[in-house]
Amino acid sequence: MELVFLGTGAGTPSRQRNVTAIALDLLAENGAYWLFDCGEGTQQQILRSSIKLSKLDKLFVTHLHGDHIFGIPGLLSTRANQGGITPFTVFGPPGIQAFIDSALSVSQSRLNYPLEIIEINDGLIYEDDLFRVEALHVEHRIECFGYRFIELNRPGKLEVKKLNALKIASGPVFGRLKQGETVILEDGTVLNGRDFIGPEIKGRKIAIIGDTRRCEAAVQLALEVDIMVHEATFAVLNQDLANEYFHSTTVDAAQTAAEAGAKALILTHFSSRYQEEHMSSLLTEAQTVFEAVYLAADFSSYSIPLL
């Protein structure tokens, strides 16, 4: 499981940073990529990365400002032009259906795969055998959501050494014990599968917070997550601008991470007023409040290992 940042700038593209898009690499878990936001030029960024558009099957949109959605029509069309036929699902605020339908209709774009668009509200928005995704409103100038991604816990591993010590050969018995079954051997020995399965493997949790001022909803989304991704449009000296435009500073994001008990914080969505020579000072600001902080850059990636 890995986060890949395709765009880390705010508002408009710059030479150093494209606008917002974050891919979640789930190839090892379910063979797919999921995308969070899709600003202008995202498909060009994908071409410069290791991500395969054909394996992208879900998009989660935080809000309808252009720097988060203007890349969607092109991405959907290119997926069709490249022969994509598997279903694709878009989750987003009310209005995302009208935006996509209008763009595809006016441009006479035809998709040769099933497209489902789900307009969301607070609460559970997606669930399967491996993952849950929850959403909450955060505080921005327009309706905006943050997402909490939860990997479900997995059964523990079969403790093969214990079985080898009992001189039990690998085979069907191993499989039945792995399922927690009780097995009676030919000599009458009774084995309870639960005695040979290690501790449950805890799933990973990620919070991806849309554009927002500091708010309680962001804390709730990020409670005890492994990684929280949070916008940091402004430096702390520009706190007044952050409040006025419903954005966060580096310190706002760090305070949210600390309050939520997040294990690590990744800052993104930087205003173009801050060039690369300003990045170290932005990092220092956040680290005065929360130590485990990283600054996202276009094409940077962060692995989230199982513990």
C-alpha atoms as a PDB file:
ATOM      1  CA  MET A   1       0.000   0.000   0.000  1.00  0.00           C
ATOM      2  CA  GLU A   2       1.515   3.275  -1.100  1.00  0.00           C
ATOM      3  CA  LEU A   3       0.451   6.902  -1.565  1.00  0.00           C
ATOM      4  CA  VAL A   4       1.711   8.533  -4.765  1.00  0.00           C
ATOM      5  CA  PHE A   5       1.395  12.320  -5.038  1.00  0.00           C
ATOM      6  CA  LEU A   6       0.654  13.384  -8.602  1.00  0.00           C
ATOM      7  CA  GLY A   7      -0.048  17.032  -7.816  1.00  0.00           C
ATOM      8  CA  THR A   8       0.758  19.005  -4.679  1.00  0.00           C
ATOM      9  CA  GLY A   9       0.079  22.640  -5.556  1.00  0.00           C
ATOM     10  CA  ALA A  10      -2.893  24.866  -4.723  1.00  0.00           C
ATOM     11  CA  GLY A  11      -5.090  26.777  -7.153  1.00  0.00           C
ATOM     12  CA  THR A  12      -3.074  26.754 -10.363  1.00  0.00           C
ATOM     13  CA  PRO A  13      -0.237  24.631 -11.776  1.00  0.00           C
ATOM     14  CA  SER A  14       3.322  25.864 -11.383  1.00  0.00           C
ATOM     15  CA  ARG A  15       6.620  24.711 -12.841  1.00  0.00           C
ATOM     16  CA  GLN A  16       7.365  22.717  -9.703  1.00  0.00           C
ATOM     17  CA  ARG A  17       3.900  21.469  -8.736  1.00  0.00           C
ATOM     18  CA  ASN A  18       0.769  20.411 -10.561  1.00  0.00           C
ATOM     19  CA  VAL A  19      -2.641  20.791  -8.930  1.00  0.00           C
ATOM     20  CA  THR A  20      -4.148  18.243  -6.589  1.00  0.00           C
ATOM     21  CA  ALA A  21      -4.247  14.490  -7.232  1.00  0.00           C
ATOM     22  CA  ILE A  22      -3.205  11.630  -4.963  1.00  0.00           C
ATOM     23  CA  ALA A  23      -3.123   7.979  -6.008  1.00  0.00           C
ATOM     24  CA  LEU A  24      -3.424   5.108  -3.558  1.00  0.00           C
ATOM     25  CA  ASP A  25      -1.568   2.066  -4.859  1.00  0.00           C
ATOM     26  CA  LEU A  26      -3.510  -1.048  -3.838  1.00  0.00           C
ATOM     27  CA  LEU A  27      -2.040  -3.417  -6.411  1.00  0.00           C
ATOM     28  CA  ALA A  28      -0.805  -5.820  -3.736  1.00  0.00           C
ATOM     29  CA  GLU A  29      -4.149  -5.750  -1.930  1.00  0.00           C
ATOM     30  CA  ASN A  30      -6.812  -5.763  -4.675  1.00  0.00           C
ATOM     31  CA  GLY A  31      -4.984  -5.168  -7.961  1.00  0.00           C
ATOM     32  CA  ALA A  32      -6.149  -1.575  -8.393  1.00  0.00           C
ATOM     33  CA  TYR A  33      -5.334   2.106  -7.939  1.00  0.00           C
ATOM     34  CA  TRP A  34      -7.702   4.588  -6.302  1.00  0.00           C
ATOM     35  CA  LEU A  35      -7.444   8.318  -6.954  1.00  0.00           C
ATOM     36  CA  PHE A  36      -8.251  11.202  -4.618  1.00  0.00           C
ATOM     37  CA  ASP A  37      -9.028  14.369  -6.604  1.00  0.00           C
ATOM     38  CA  CYS A  38      -8.103  14.911 -10.221  1.00  0.00           C
ATOM     39  CA  GLY A  39      -6.896  18.401 -11.043  1.00  0.00           C
ATOM     40  CA  GLU A  40      -6.022  19.644 -14.510  1.00  0.00           C
ATOM     41  CA  GLY A  41      -3.148  17.679 -16.036  1.00  0.00           C
ATOM     42  CA  THR A  42      -3.499  14.633 -13.810  1.00  0.00           C
ATOM     43  CA  GLN A  43      -3.406  12.206 -16.721  1.00  0.00           C
ATOM     44  CA  GLN A  44      -0.149  13.798 -17.882  1.00  0.00           C
ATOM     45  CA  GLN A  45       1.241  13.234 -14.392  1.00  0.00           C
ATOM     46  CA  ILE A  46       0.090   9.611 -14.528  1.00  0.00           C
ATOM     47  CA  LEU A  47       2.029   9.164 -17.780  1.00  0.00           C
ATOM     48  CA  ARG A  48       5.174  10.289 -15.947  1.00  0.00           C
ATOM     49  CA  SER A  49       4.580   7.843 -13.090  1.00  0.00           C
ATOM     50  CA  SER A  50       4.426   4.062 -12.712  1.00  0.00           C
ATOM     51  CA  ILE A  51       0.626   4.143 -12.368  1.00  0.00           C
ATOM     52  CA  LYS A  52      -1.407   2.260 -14.979  1.00  0.00           C
ATOM     53  CA  LEU A  53      -4.599   4.076 -15.993  1.00  0.00           C
ATOM     54  CA  SER A  54      -6.169   0.743 -16.952  1.00  0.00           C
ATOM     55  CA  LYS A  55      -5.963  -0.373 -13.299  1.00  0.00           C
ATOM     56  CA  LEU A  56      -7.519   2.810 -11.893  1.00  0.00           C
ATOM     57  CA  ASP A  57     -11.108   2.030 -10.898  1.00  0.00           C
ATOM     58  CA  LYS A  58     -12.206   4.583  -8.269  1.00  0.00           C
ATOM     59  CA  LEU A  59     -12.017   8.344  -7.847  1.00  0.00           C
ATOM     60  CA  PHE A  60     -12.869  10.164  -4.611  1.00  0.00           C
ATOM     61  CA  VAL A  61     -13.462  13.906  -5.072  1.00  0.00           C
ATOM     62  CA  THR A  62     -13.164  16.222  -2.067  1.00  0.00           C
ATOM     63  CA  HIS A  63     -14.913  19.258  -3.599  1.00  0.00           C
ATOM     64  CA  LEU A  64     -15.774  20.956  -6.860  1.00  0.00           C
ATOM     65  CA  HIS A  65     -13.140  23.681  -7.122  1.00  0.00           C
ATOM     66  CA  GLY A  66     -11.405  23.501 -10.482  1.00  0.00           C
ATOM     67  CA  ASP A  67      -7.965  22.597  -9.185  1.00  0.00           C
ATOM     68  CA  HIS A  68      -9.501  19.365  -7.871  1.00  0.00           C
ATOM     69  CA  ILE A  69     -11.794  18.350 -10.772  1.00  0.00           C
ATOM     70  CA  PHE A  70     -10.745  19.862 -14.119  1.00  0.00           C
ATOM     71  CA  GLY A  71      -8.768  16.735 -15.011  1.00  0.00           C
ATOM     72  CA  ILE A  72     -11.701  14.333 -14.671  1.00  0.00           C
ATOM     73  CA  PRO A  73     -13.269  14.509 -18.174  1.00  0.00           C
ATOM     74  CA  GLY A  74      -9.919  13.983 -19.892  1.00  0.00           C
ATOM     75  CA  LEU A  75      -8.974  11.107 -17.627  1.00  0.00           C
ATOM     76  CA  LEU A  76     -12.294   9.324 -18.198  1.00  0.00           C
ATOM     77  CA  SER A  77     -12.057   9.808 -21.955  1.00  0.00           C
ATOM     78  CA  THR A  78      -8.465   8.605 -22.174  1.00  0.00           C
ATOM     79  CA  ARG A  79      -9.346   5.524 -20.149  1.00  0.00           C
ATOM     80  CA  ALA A  80     -11.951   4.698 -22.818  1.00  0.00           C
ATOM     81  CA  ASN A  81      -9.605   5.502 -25.703  1.00  0.00           C
ATOM     82  CA  GLN A  82      -7.024   3.135 -24.252  1.00  0.00           C
ATOM     83  CA  GLY A  83      -9.524   0.282 -24.287  1.00  0.00           C
ATOM     84  CA  GLY A  84     -10.634   0.352 -20.678  1.00  0.00           C
ATOM     85  CA  ILE A  85     -13.755  -1.765 -20.252  1.00  0.00           C
ATOM     86  CA  THR A  86     -13.904  -2.429 -16.499  1.00  0.00           C
ATOM     87  CA  PRO A  87     -16.291  -0.390 -14.300  1.00  0.00           C
ATOM     88  CA  PHE A  88     -15.211   2.949 -12.871  1.00  0.00           C
ATOM     89  CA  THR A  89     -16.795   4.692  -9.888  1.00  0.00           C
ATOM     90  CA  VAL A  90     -16.642   8.374  -8.929  1.00  0.00           C
ATOM     91  CA  PHE A  91     -17.561   9.485  -5.410  1.00  0.00           C
ATOM     92  CA  GLY A  92     -18.010  13.180  -4.710  1.00  0.00           C
ATOM     93  CA  PRO A  93     -20.168  16.034  -3.440  1.00  0.00           C
ATOM     94  CA  PRO A  94     -23.561  16.906  -4.926  1.00  0.00           C
ATOM     95  CA  GLY A  95     -22.924  18.476  -8.326  1.00  0.00           C
ATOM     96  CA  ILE A  96     -20.220  16.045  -9.448  1.00  0.00           C
ATOM     97  CA  GLN A  97     -22.771  14.148 -11.569  1.00  0.00           C
ATOM     98  CA  ALA A  98     -23.839  17.326 -13.398  1.00  0.00           C
ATOM     99  CA  PHE A  99     -20.225  18.374 -13.981  1.00  0.00           C
ATOM    100  CA  ILE A 100     -19.153  15.044 -15.474  1.00  0.00           C
ATOM    101  CA  ASP A 101     -22.345  14.500 -17.481  1.00  0.00           C
ATOM    102  CA  SER A 102     -22.125  17.997 -18.963  1.00  0.00           C
ATOM    103  CA  ALA A 103     -18.438  17.723 -19.889  1.00  0.00           C
ATOM    104  CA  LEU A 104     -18.875  14.332 -21.544  1.00  0.00           C
ATOM    105  CA  SER A 105     -22.069  15.380 -23.330  1.00  0.00           C
ATOM    106  CA  VAL A 106     -20.801  18.696 -24.729  1.00  0.00           C
ATOM    107  CA  SER A 107     -17.551  17.093 -25.909  1.00  0.00           C
ATOM    108  CA  GLN A 108     -19.461  14.079 -27.301  1.00  0.00           C
ATOM    109  CA  SER A 109     -17.144  11.777 -25.392  1.00  0.00           C
ATOM    110  CA  ARG A 110     -18.195   8.150 -25.323  1.00  0.00           C
ATOM    111  CA  LEU A 111     -17.150   5.728 -22.636  1.00  0.00           C
ATOM    112  CA  ASN A 112     -17.088   2.021 -23.405  1.00  0.00           C
ATOM    113  CA  TYR A 113     -17.110   1.021 -19.743  1.00  0.00           C
ATOM    114  CA  PRO A 114     -19.736   1.329 -16.992  1.00  0.00           C
ATOM    115  CA  LEU A 115     -19.400   4.650 -15.138  1.00  0.00           C
ATOM    116  CA  GLU A 116     -21.119   5.048 -11.785  1.00  0.00           C
ATOM    117  CA  ILE A 117     -21.237   8.451 -10.087  1.00  0.00           C
ATOM    118  CA  ILE A 118     -22.214   8.504  -6.408  1.00  0.00           C
ATOM    119  CA  GLU A 119     -22.981  11.827  -4.739  1.00  0.00           C
ATOM    120  CA  ILE A 120     -22.060  11.430  -1.097  1.00  0.00           C
ATOM    121  CA  ASN A 121     -22.914  12.713   2.360  1.00  0.00           C
ATOM    122  CA  ASP A 122     -21.409  12.152   5.788  1.00  0.00           C
ATOM    123  CA  GLY A 123     -20.844   8.559   6.884  1.00  0.00           C
ATOM    124  CA  LEU A 124     -19.886   5.269   5.266  1.00  0.00           C
ATOM    125  CA  ILE A 125     -19.729   5.673   1.483  1.00  0.00           C
ATOM    126  CA  TYR A 126     -18.006   2.459   0.365  1.00  0.00           C
ATOM    127  CA  GLU A 127     -17.336  -0.994   1.775  1.00  0.00           C
ATOM    128  CA  ASP A 128     -16.107  -4.331   0.448  1.00  0.00           C
ATOM    129  CA  ASP A 129     -14.375  -7.390   1.911  1.00  0.00           C
ATOM    130  CA  LEU A 130     -11.094  -5.505   2.351  1.00  0.00           C
ATOM    131  CA  PHE A 131     -11.800  -1.808   2.864  1.00  0.00           C
ATOM    132  CA  ARG A 132     -14.183   0.820   4.210  1.00  0.00           C
ATOM    133  CA  VAL A 133     -14.254   4.473   3.210  1.00  0.00           C
ATOM    134  CA  GLU A 134     -15.973   7.105   5.334  1.00  0.00           C
ATOM    135  CA  ALA A 135     -16.533  10.795   4.586  1.00  0.00           C
ATOM    136  CA  LEU A 136     -17.217  13.906   6.644  1.00  0.00           C
ATOM    137  CA  HIS A 137     -17.834  17.536   5.742  1.00  0.00           C
ATOM    138  CA  VAL A 138     -14.887  19.813   6.485  1.00  0.00           C
ATOM    139  CA  GLU A 139     -14.889  23.635   6.537  1.00  0.00           C
ATOM    140  CA  HIS A 140     -14.213  25.212   3.149  1.00  0.00           C
ATOM    141  CA  ARG A 141     -15.799  27.957   1.034  1.00  0.00           C
ATOM    142  CA  ILE A 142     -17.924  25.382  -0.763  1.00  0.00           C
ATOM    143  CA  GLU A 143     -19.130  21.940   0.256  1.00  0.00           C
ATOM    144  CA  CYS A 144     -16.048  19.834   0.851  1.00  0.00           C
ATOM    145  CA  PHE A 145     -15.280  16.396   2.274  1.00  0.00           C
ATOM    146  CA  GLY A 146     -12.425  14.600   3.929  1.00  0.00           C
ATOM    147  CA  TYR A 147     -12.039  10.846   3.587  1.00  0.00           C
ATOM    148  CA  ARG A 148     -11.064   8.135   6.063  1.00  0.00           C
ATOM    149  CA  PHE A 149      -9.745   4.978   4.408  1.00  0.00           C
ATOM    150  CA  ILE A 150      -9.817   1.860   6.596  1.00  0.00           C
ATOM    151  CA  GLU A 151      -8.295  -1.497   5.766  1.00  0.00           C
ATOM    152  CA  LEU A 152     -10.148  -4.270   7.590  1.00  0.00           C
ATOM    153  CA  ASN A 153      -8.199  -6.475   9.992  1.00  0.00           C
ATOM    154  CA  ARG A 154      -6.930  -9.769   8.587  1.00  0.00           C
ATOM    155  CA  PRO A 155      -6.735 -13.187  10.236  1.00  0.00           C
ATOM    156  CA  GLY A 156      -3.360 -14.029  11.728  1.00  0.00           C
ATOM    157  CA  LYS A 157      -0.826 -16.199   9.906  1.00  0.00           C
ATOM    158  CA  LEU A 158      -0.707 -19.964  10.332  1.00  0.00           C
ATOM    159  CA  GLU A 159       2.070 -20.811  12.811  1.00  0.00           C
ATOM    160  CA  VAL A 160       3.850 -23.387  10.658  1.00  0.00           C
ATOM    161  CA  LYS A 161       6.705 -23.927  13.130  1.00  0.00           C
ATOM    162  CA  LYS A 162       4.255 -25.262  15.714  1.00  0.00           C
ATOM    163  CA  LEU A 163       2.865 -27.723  13.197  1.00  0.00           C
ATOM    164  CA  ASN A 164       6.333 -28.766  12.040  1.00  0.00           C
ATOM    165  CA  ALA A 165       7.244 -29.464  15.666  1.00  0.00           C
ATOM    166  CA  LEU A 166       4.299 -31.888  15.777  1.00  0.00           C
ATOM    167  CA  LYS A 167       5.613 -33.488  12.568  1.00  0.00           C
ATOM    168  CA  ILE A 168       2.494 -32.610  10.616  1.00  0.00           C
ATOM    169  CA  ALA A 169       3.166 -32.464   6.893  1.00  0.00           C
ATOM    170  CA  SER A 170       2.075 -29.504   4.799  1.00  0.00           C
ATOM    171  CA  GLY A 171      -1.124 -30.161   2.884  1.00  0.00           C
ATOM    172  CA  PRO A 172      -4.900 -30.117   3.329  1.00  0.00           C
ATOM    173  CA  VAL A 173      -4.588 -30.162   7.136  1.00  0.00           C
ATOM    174  CA  PHE A 174      -2.742 -26.839   7.013  1.00  0.00           C
ATOM    175  CA  GLY A 175      -5.533 -25.303   4.951  1.00  0.00           C
ATOM    176  CA  ARG A 176      -8.263 -26.477   7.309  1.00  0.00           C
ATOM    177  CA  LEU A 177      -6.399 -25.245  10.374  1.00  0.00           C
ATOM    178  CA  LYS A 178      -5.832 -21.890   8.661  1.00  0.00           C
ATOM    179  CA  GLN A 179      -9.626 -21.604   8.406  1.00  0.00           C
ATOM    180  CA  GLY A 180      -9.874 -22.189  12.152  1.00  0.00           C
ATOM    181  CA  GLU A 181     -11.368 -25.669  11.828  1.00  0.00           C
ATOM    182  CA  THR A 182     -10.895 -28.528  14.298  1.00  0.00           C
ATOM    183  CA  VAL A 183      -9.002 -31.426  12.674  1.00  0.00           C
ATOM    184  CA  ILE A 184      -8.797 -35.021  13.911  1.00  0.00           C
ATOM    185  CA  LEU A 185      -5.642 -36.791  12.730  1.00  0.00           C
ATOM    186  CA  GLU A 186      -5.423 -40.495  11.863  1.00  0.00           C
ATOM    187  CA  ASP A 187      -3.919 -41.279  15.283  1.00  0.00           C
ATOM    188  CA  GLY A 188      -6.857 -39.571  17.008  1.00  0.00           C
ATOM    189  CA  THR A 189      -5.003 -36.346  17.867  1.00  0.00           C
ATOM    190  CA  VAL A 190      -7.386 -33.368  17.901  1.00  0.00           C
ATOM    191  CA  LEU A 191      -6.057 -30.054  16.619  1.00  0.00           C
ATOM    192  CA  ASN A 192      -7.968 -26.804  17.073  1.00  0.00           C
ATOM    193  CA  GLY A 193      -7.171 -24.359  14.300  1.00  0.00           C
ATOM    194  CA  ARG A 194      -7.379 -21.406  16.669  1.00  0.00           C
ATOM    195  CA  ASP A 195      -4.345 -22.766  18.535  1.00  0.00           C
ATOM    196  CA  PHE A 196      -2.186 -22.476  15.421  1.00  0.00           C
ATOM    197  CA  ILE A 197      -3.148 -19.022  14.143  1.00  0.00           C
ATOM    198  CA  GLY A 198      -1.104 -15.984  15.152  1.00  0.00           C
ATOM    199  CA  PRO A 199      -2.440 -12.605  16.283  1.00  0.00           C
ATOM    200  CA  GLU A 200      -4.875 -10.763  14.024  1.00  0.00           C
ATOM    201  CA  ILE A 201      -3.130  -8.459  11.536  1.00  0.00           C
ATOM    202  CA  LYS A 202      -4.340  -4.922  12.058  1.00  0.00           C
ATOM    203  CA  GLY A 203      -5.466  -3.039   8.963  1.00  0.00           C
ATOM    204  CA  ARG A 204      -4.008   0.317   8.014  1.00  0.00           C
ATOM    205  CA  LYS A 205      -5.841   3.652   8.191  1.00  0.00           C
ATOM    206  CA  ILE A 206      -5.355   6.786   6.112  1.00  0.00           C
ATOM    207  CA  ALA A 207      -7.057  10.189   6.302  1.00  0.00           C
ATOM    208  CA  ILE A 208      -7.091  12.445   3.249  1.00  0.00           C
ATOM    209  CA  ILE A 209      -8.464  15.829   4.210  1.00  0.00           C
ATOM    210  CA  GLY A 210      -9.910  18.139   1.556  1.00  0.00           C
ATOM    211  CA  ASP A 211      -9.370  21.900   1.568  1.00  0.00           C
ATOM    212  CA  THR A 212     -10.376  23.160   5.000  1.00  0.00           C
ATOM    213  CA  ARG A 213      -9.853  25.474   7.879  1.00  0.00           C
ATOM    214  CA  ARG A 214      -8.908  23.777  11.140  1.00  0.00           C
ATOM    215  CA  CYS A 215     -12.020  21.874  12.247  1.00  0.00           C
ATOM    216  CA  GLU A 216     -13.224  19.041  14.482  1.00  0.00           C
ATOM    217  CA  ALA A 217     -14.312  16.903  11.516  1.00  0.00           C
ATOM    218  CA  ALA A 218     -10.691  16.645  10.339  1.00  0.00           C
ATOM    219  CA  VAL A 219      -9.694  15.401  13.784  1.00  0.00           C
ATOM    220  CA  GLN A 220     -12.411  12.751  13.688  1.00  0.00           C
ATOM    221  CA  LEU A 221     -11.336  11.572  10.250  1.00  0.00           C
ATOM    222  CA  ALA A 222      -7.717  11.275  11.361  1.00  0.00           C
ATOM    223  CA  LEU A 223      -8.189   9.541  14.731  1.00  0.00           C
ATOM    224  CA  GLU A 224      -5.192   7.229  15.214  1.00  0.00           C
ATOM    225  CA  VAL A 225      -4.515   6.869  11.489  1.00  0.00           C
ATOM    226  CA  ASP A 226      -1.196   5.648  10.155  1.00  0.00           C
ATOM    227  CA  ILE A 227      -0.980   8.591   7.746  1.00  0.00           C
ATOM    228  CA  MET A 228      -2.906  11.850   7.630  1.00  0.00           C
ATOM    229  CA  VAL A 229      -2.675  13.875   4.422  1.00  0.00           C
ATOM    230  CA  HIS A 230      -3.647  17.497   5.063  1.00  0.00           C
ATOM    231  CA  GLU A 231      -3.514  20.688   3.064  1.00  0.00           C
ATOM    232  CA  ALA A 232      -1.051  23.401   4.138  1.00  0.00           C
ATOM    233  CA  THR A 233      -1.826  26.183   1.705  1.00  0.00           C
ATOM    234  CA  PHE A 234      -0.246  28.887   3.861  1.00  0.00           C
ATOM    235  CA  ALA A 235       2.659  29.469   6.224  1.00  0.00           C
ATOM    236  CA  VAL A 236       1.775  30.381   9.780  1.00  0.00           C
ATOM    237  CA  LEU A 237       2.563  34.059   9.103  1.00  0.00           C
ATOM    238  CA  ASN A 238      -0.407  34.037   6.702  1.00  0.00           C
ATOM    239  CA  GLN A 239      -2.913  32.743   9.262  1.00  0.00           C
ATOM    240  CA  ASP A 240      -5.317  35.613   8.467  1.00  0.00           C
ATOM    241  CA  LEU A 241      -5.371  34.651   4.781  1.00  0.00           C
ATOM    242  CA  ALA A 242      -5.903  31.006   5.687  1.00  0.00           C
ATOM    243  CA  ASN A 243      -8.915  31.903   7.812  1.00  0.00           C
ATOM    244  CA  GLU A 244     -10.335  34.248   5.177  1.00  0.00           C
ATOM    245  CA  TYR A 245     -10.102  31.700   2.358  1.00  0.00           C
ATOM    246  CA  PHE A 246     -11.041  28.655   4.459  1.00  0.00           C
ATOM    247  CA  HIS A 247      -7.619  27.045   4.201  1.00  0.00           C
ATOM    248  CA  SER A 248      -5.041  25.779   6.688  1.00  0.00           C
ATOM    249  CA  THR A 249      -1.526  26.736   7.671  1.00  0.00           C
ATOM    250  CA  THR A 250       1.288  24.329   8.396  1.00  0.00           C
ATOM    251  CA  VAL A 251       0.620  24.706  12.120  1.00  0.00           C
ATOM    252  CA  ASP A 252      -3.142  24.192  11.703  1.00  0.00           C
ATOM    253  CA  ALA A 253      -2.455  20.847  10.031  1.00  0.00           C
ATOM    254  CA  ALA A 254       0.118  19.848  12.643  1.00  0.00           C
ATOM    255  CA  GLN A 255      -2.257  20.684  15.489  1.00  0.00           C
ATOM    256  CA  THR A 256      -4.946  18.540  13.871  1.00  0.00           C
ATOM    257  CA  ALA A 257      -2.534  15.607  13.548  1.00  0.00           C
ATOM    258  CA  ALA A 258      -1.457  15.945  17.167  1.00  0.00           C
ATOM    259  CA  GLU A 259      -5.021  16.137  18.456  1.00  0.00           C
ATOM    260  CA  ALA A 260      -6.066  13.132  16.349  1.00  0.00           C
ATOM    261  CA  GLY A 261      -3.172  10.964  17.492  1.00  0.00           C
ATOM    262  CA  ALA A 262      -2.050  10.347  13.921  1.00  0.00           C
ATOM    263  CA  LYS A 263       1.215   8.454  13.516  1.00  0.00           C
ATOM    264  CA  ALA A 264       2.469  10.679  10.692  1.00  0.00           C
ATOM    265  CA  LEU A 265       1.431  13.783   8.742  1.00  0.00           C
ATOM    266  CA  ILE A 266       2.011  14.562   5.072  1.00  0.00           C
ATOM    267  CA  LEU A 267       1.500  18.196   4.055  1.00  0.00           C
ATOM    268  CA  THR A 268       0.378  19.078   0.519  1.00  0.00           C
ATOM    269  CA  HIS A 269      -1.598  21.730  -1.468  1.00  0.00           C
ATOM    270  CA  PHE A 270       1.023  24.473  -1.131  1.00  0.00           C
ATOM    271  CA  SER A 271       0.372  27.984  -2.436  1.00  0.00           C
ATOM    272  CA  SER A 272       2.552  28.926  -5.409  1.00  0.00           C
ATOM    273  CA  ARG A 273       3.831  31.903  -3.382  1.00  0.00           C
ATOM    274  CA  TYR A 274       6.115  29.380  -1.659  1.00  0.00           C
ATOM    275  CA  GLN A 275       8.962  28.225  -3.843  1.00  0.00           C
ATOM    276  CA  GLU A 276      11.259  25.292  -3.149  1.00  0.00           C
ATOM    277  CA  GLU A 277      13.588  27.451  -1.056  1.00  0.00           C
ATOM    278  CA  HIS A 278      10.686  28.053   1.362  1.00  0.00           C
ATOM    279  CA  MET A 279       9.887  24.371   1.926  1.00  0.00           C
ATOM    280  CA  SER A 280      12.335  23.783   4.773  1.00  0.00           C
ATOM    281  CA  SER A 281      10.839  26.628   6.797  1.00  0.00           C
ATOM    282  CA  LEU A 282       7.324  25.260   6.230  1.00  0.00           C
ATOM    283  CA  LEU A 283       8.496  21.890   7.501  1.00  0.00           C
ATOM    284  CA  THR A 284      10.096  23.465  10.557  1.00  0.00           C
ATOM    285  CA  GLU A 285       6.873  25.327  11.392  1.00  0.00           C
ATOM    286  CA  ALA A 286       4.864  22.113  11.414  1.00  0.00           C
ATOM    287  CA  GLN A 287       7.503  20.210  13.368  1.00  0.00           C
ATOM    288  CA  THR A 288       7.306  22.676  16.235  1.00  0.00           C
ATOM    289  CA  VAL A 289       3.884  21.129  16.929  1.00  0.00           C
ATOM    290  CA  PHE A 290       4.093  17.587  15.504  1.00  0.00           C
ATOM    291  CA  GLU A 291       7.359  15.787  14.891  1.00  0.00           C
ATOM    292  CA  ALA A 292       6.508  13.146  12.259  1.00  0.00           C
ATOM    293  CA  VAL A 293       5.846  15.517   9.342  1.00  0.00           C
ATOM    294  CA  TYR A 294       6.696  15.073   5.661  1.00  0.00           C
ATOM    295  CA  LEU A 295       6.251  17.497   2.784  1.00  0.00           C
ATOM    296  CA  ALA A 296       4.725  16.039  -0.368  1.00  0.00           C
ATOM    297  CA  ALA A 297       6.241  16.822  -3.750  1.00  0.00           C
ATOM    298  CA  ASP A 298       4.987  15.825  -7.178  1.00  0.00           C
ATOM    299  CA  PHE A 299       5.836  12.128  -7.734  1.00  0.00           C
ATOM    300  CA  SER A 300       6.870  11.570  -4.131  1.00  0.00           C
ATOM    301  CA  SER A 301       5.531   8.359  -2.595  1.00  0.00           C
ATOM    302  CA  TYR A 302       4.988   7.027   0.923  1.00  0.00           C
ATOM    303  CA  SER A 303       4.611   3.353   1.765  1.00  0.00           C
ATOM    304  CA  ILE A 304       2.323   2.263   4.595  1.00  0.00           C
ATOM    305  CA  PRO A 305       3.597  -1.129   5.800  1.00  0.00           C
ATOM    306  CA  LEU A 306       1.603  -3.638   7.794  1.00  0.00           C
ATOM    307  CA  LEU A 307       2.618  -3.644  11.444  1.00  0.00           C
END
